[in-house]
Protein backbone atom coordinates (compact mmCIF):
# COMPACT_ATOMS: atom_id res chain seq x y z
CA UNK A 1 -18.90 -15.62 1.48
CA UNK A 2 -16.01 -13.42 0.94
CA UNK A 3 -12.18 -14.02 0.32
CA UNK A 4 -10.08 -11.25 1.69
CA UNK A 5 -6.56 -10.87 -0.07
CA UNK A 6 -3.88 -8.86 0.93
CA UNK A 7 -0.11 -9.39 1.93
CA UNK A 8 -0.01 -6.76 4.61
CA UNK A 9 -2.06 -8.38 7.59
CA UNK A 10 -3.26 -5.05 9.02
CA UNK A 11 -5.11 -4.49 5.46
CA UNK A 12 -6.54 -8.02 5.76
CA UNK A 13 -7.66 -7.39 9.19
CA UNK A 14 -9.33 -4.22 8.28
CA UNK A 15 -11.13 -5.63 5.32
CA UNK A 16 -12.28 -8.66 7.24
CA UNK A 17 -13.66 -6.52 10.13
CA UNK A 18 -15.78 -4.59 7.36
CA UNK A 19 -16.86 -7.75 5.98
CA UNK A 20 -17.81 -9.19 9.38
CA UNK A 21 -19.66 -5.96 10.19
CA UNK A 22 -21.76 -6.37 7.06
CA UNK A 23 -22.51 -10.06 8.45
CA UNK A 24 -20.76 -11.83 5.90
CA UNK A 25 -18.57 -14.50 6.46
CA UNK A 26 -14.87 -14.59 5.26
CA UNK A 27 -11.44 -16.25 4.75
CA UNK A 28 -8.21 -14.78 4.02
CA UNK A 29 -5.11 -15.19 1.86
CA UNK A 30 -1.63 -13.31 2.14
CA UNK A 31 -1.04 -13.48 -1.71
CA UNK A 32 -2.21 -14.23 -5.09
CA UNK A 33 -1.14 -17.80 -5.15
CA UNK A 34 -2.99 -18.47 -1.85
CA UNK A 35 -5.93 -17.08 -3.32
CA UNK A 36 -5.90 -18.80 -6.45
CA UNK A 37 -5.48 -21.95 -4.57
CA UNK A 38 -8.46 -20.93 -2.24
CA UNK A 39 -10.63 -20.02 -5.29
CA UNK A 40 -9.97 -23.32 -7.19
CA UNK A 41 -11.20 -25.52 -4.13
CA UNK A 42 -14.15 -23.42 -3.10
CA UNK A 43 -16.87 -20.85 -4.54
CA UNK A 44 -16.75 -17.31 -2.95
CA UNK A 45 -19.44 -15.03 -3.68
CA UNK A 46 -17.18 -12.16 -3.50
CA UNK A 47 -13.13 -11.98 -3.72
CA UNK A 48 -11.45 -8.58 -2.55
CA UNK A 49 -8.02 -8.84 -4.12
CA UNK A 50 -5.02 -6.44 -3.36
CA UNK A 51 -2.92 -5.38 -6.53
CA UNK A 52 0.74 -5.40 -5.30
CA UNK A 53 1.37 -8.68 -3.52
CA UNK A 54 4.74 -10.93 -3.45
CA UNK A 55 4.50 -14.43 -4.77
CA UNK A 56 1.66 -13.59 -7.21
CA UNK A 57 -0.09 -10.06 -7.77
CA UNK A 58 -3.56 -9.54 -7.89
CA UNK A 59 -3.98 -8.89 -11.50
CA UNK A 60 -2.39 -12.20 -12.22
CA UNK A 61 -4.30 -13.96 -9.71
CA UNK A 62 -7.55 -12.55 -11.07
CA UNK A 63 -6.51 -13.83 -14.44
CA UNK A 64 -6.04 -17.37 -13.05
CA UNK A 65 -9.29 -17.24 -10.89
CA UNK A 66 -11.32 -16.23 -14.25
CA UNK A 67 -9.75 -19.01 -16.20
CA UNK A 68 -11.59 -21.62 -14.33
CA UNK A 69 -12.84 -23.29 -11.07
CA UNK A 70 -15.71 -22.81 -8.42
CA UNK A 71 -14.92 -18.95 -8.23
CA UNK A 72 -14.62 -18.17 -11.70
CA UNK A 73 -17.79 -16.32 -12.11
CA UNK A 74 -17.42 -14.84 -8.43
CA UNK A 75 -17.50 -10.83 -8.05
CA UNK A 76 -14.03 -9.55 -7.77
CA UNK A 77 -13.10 -6.10 -6.40
CA UNK A 78 -9.92 -4.84 -6.89
CA UNK A 79 -8.16 -2.97 -4.26
CA UNK A 80 -5.19 -0.98 -4.75
CA UNK A 81 -3.11 2.07 -3.37
CA UNK A 82 -2.63 3.42 -6.74
CA UNK A 83 -5.00 5.72 -8.42
CA UNK A 84 -3.63 6.31 -11.60
CA UNK A 85 -6.06 5.28 -14.52
CA UNK A 86 -3.62 3.09 -16.39
CA UNK A 87 -3.27 0.86 -13.18
CA UNK A 88 -6.98 0.87 -12.53
CA UNK A 89 -7.60 -0.11 -16.08
CA UNK A 90 -5.13 -3.06 -16.17
CA UNK A 91 -7.03 -4.56 -12.93
CA UNK A 92 -10.33 -4.32 -14.73
CA UNK A 93 -8.64 -5.59 -18.08
CA UNK A 94 -7.43 -8.67 -15.92
CA UNK A 95 -10.97 -9.68 -14.89
CA UNK A 96 -11.90 -7.29 -11.84
CA UNK A 97 -15.50 -6.15 -11.76
CA UNK A 98 -14.52 -3.03 -9.78
CA UNK A 99 -11.48 -1.36 -8.43
CA UNK A 100 -11.44 0.58 -4.98
CA UNK A 101 -8.57 2.88 -4.17
CA UNK A 102 -7.18 2.37 -0.51
CA UNK A 103 -7.91 3.09 2.07
CA UNK A 104 -11.20 1.50 1.37
CA UNK A 105 -14.05 2.65 3.73
CA UNK A 106 -17.00 0.45 4.82
CA UNK A 107 -19.58 2.83 2.93
CA UNK A 108 -17.52 2.45 -0.22
CA UNK A 109 -17.64 -1.46 0.17
CA UNK A 110 -21.39 -1.34 0.61
CA UNK A 111 -21.82 0.95 -2.39
CA UNK A 112 -19.76 -1.21 -4.50
CA UNK A 113 -21.58 -4.47 -3.52
CA UNK A 114 -25.00 -2.74 -4.17
CA UNK A 115 -23.67 -1.33 -7.43
CA UNK A 116 -22.22 -4.81 -8.56
CA UNK A 117 -25.43 -6.67 -7.38
CA UNK A 118 -27.45 -4.46 -9.21
CA UNK A 119 -25.47 -3.54 -12.12
CA UNK A 120 -27.72 -4.93 -14.93
CA UNK A 121 -30.23 -2.71 -13.69
CA UNK A 122 -28.10 0.18 -13.49
CA UNK A 123 -27.03 2.68 -16.20
CA UNK A 124 -23.35 3.74 -16.63
CA UNK A 125 -24.37 7.12 -15.58
CA UNK A 126 -25.08 5.98 -12.23
CA UNK A 127 -21.81 4.33 -11.39
CA UNK A 128 -20.91 5.59 -7.98
CA UNK A 129 -17.85 7.52 -7.23
CA UNK A 130 -15.43 5.30 -4.90
CA UNK A 131 -12.94 8.13 -4.53
CA UNK A 132 -12.96 10.58 -2.01
CA UNK A 133 -11.64 13.73 -0.83
CA UNK A 134 -8.11 13.28 -0.11
CA UNK A 135 -8.10 16.00 2.66
CA UNK A 136 -10.31 13.87 4.94
CA UNK A 137 -9.03 10.30 4.00
CA UNK A 138 -6.34 10.40 6.43
CA UNK A 139 -8.63 11.32 9.37
CA UNK A 140 -11.16 8.89 8.07
CA UNK A 141 -8.61 6.00 7.87
CA UNK A 142 -7.27 6.73 11.30
CA UNK A 143 -10.88 6.75 12.53
CA UNK A 144 -11.27 3.43 10.86
CA UNK A 145 -8.31 1.97 12.18
CA UNK A 146 -9.25 3.06 15.84
CA UNK A 147 -12.75 1.40 15.41
CA UNK A 148 -10.96 -1.70 14.34
CA UNK A 149 -8.06 -2.21 16.54
CA UNK A 150 -9.16 0.29 19.44
CA UNK A 151 -7.17 3.57 20.37
CA UNK A 152 -4.30 2.40 22.04
CA UNK A 153 -3.20 -0.16 19.19
CA UNK A 154 -4.01 2.58 16.56
CA UNK A 155 -2.13 5.20 18.27
CA UNK A 156 1.17 2.80 18.84
CA UNK A 157 0.57 1.60 14.90
CA UNK A 158 0.39 5.42 14.10
CA UNK A 159 3.39 6.26 15.95
CA UNK A 160 5.50 3.00 14.79
CA UNK A 161 4.67 3.95 11.36
CA UNK A 162 5.82 7.89 11.75
CA UNK A 163 9.04 6.50 13.15
CA UNK A 164 9.52 4.35 10.06
CA UNK A 165 9.11 7.14 7.78
CA UNK A 166 11.01 9.32 9.83
CA UNK A 167 13.96 6.74 9.51
CA UNK A 168 13.13 5.87 5.63
CA UNK A 169 13.48 9.84 5.26
CA UNK A 170 16.69 10.26 7.08
CA UNK A 171 18.14 7.64 5.02
CA UNK A 172 16.94 8.80 1.75
CA UNK A 173 18.45 12.47 2.56
């Protein structure tokens, strides 16, 4: 059983779709406080925790979950848009077992789960690399979006995002 936590509905939908494709059950939460509440009431095998969220951020939520309750020993995978080492270390220091940088691909999730489930027999030298070539990440993210939402919805979302970026850029200028 997975708990997928992200304040952005699209991100939750994409991660949940990956979890479903791997034949796992999942529940969702839109912020850290909801995640803590849910994890205090039931056990989750894996928690996918976004970092930056309103109400309660992911790192704080991880600390609360680790403090006690049915999910205190769950595998917790942090998910963040930030790739700087300090932020990744902060997430790990809060109690995350591993941190993935967005956009997360299904193969990365599979590798992370395999690594975490077998980590006692794996040396630190064989820790997989969960970061990919940024030149291909945009295309890969769009393919993942198209697979999850269908081409029409994916193109509409991309167009809306580009229009929003253009408007924000004009405002900043």
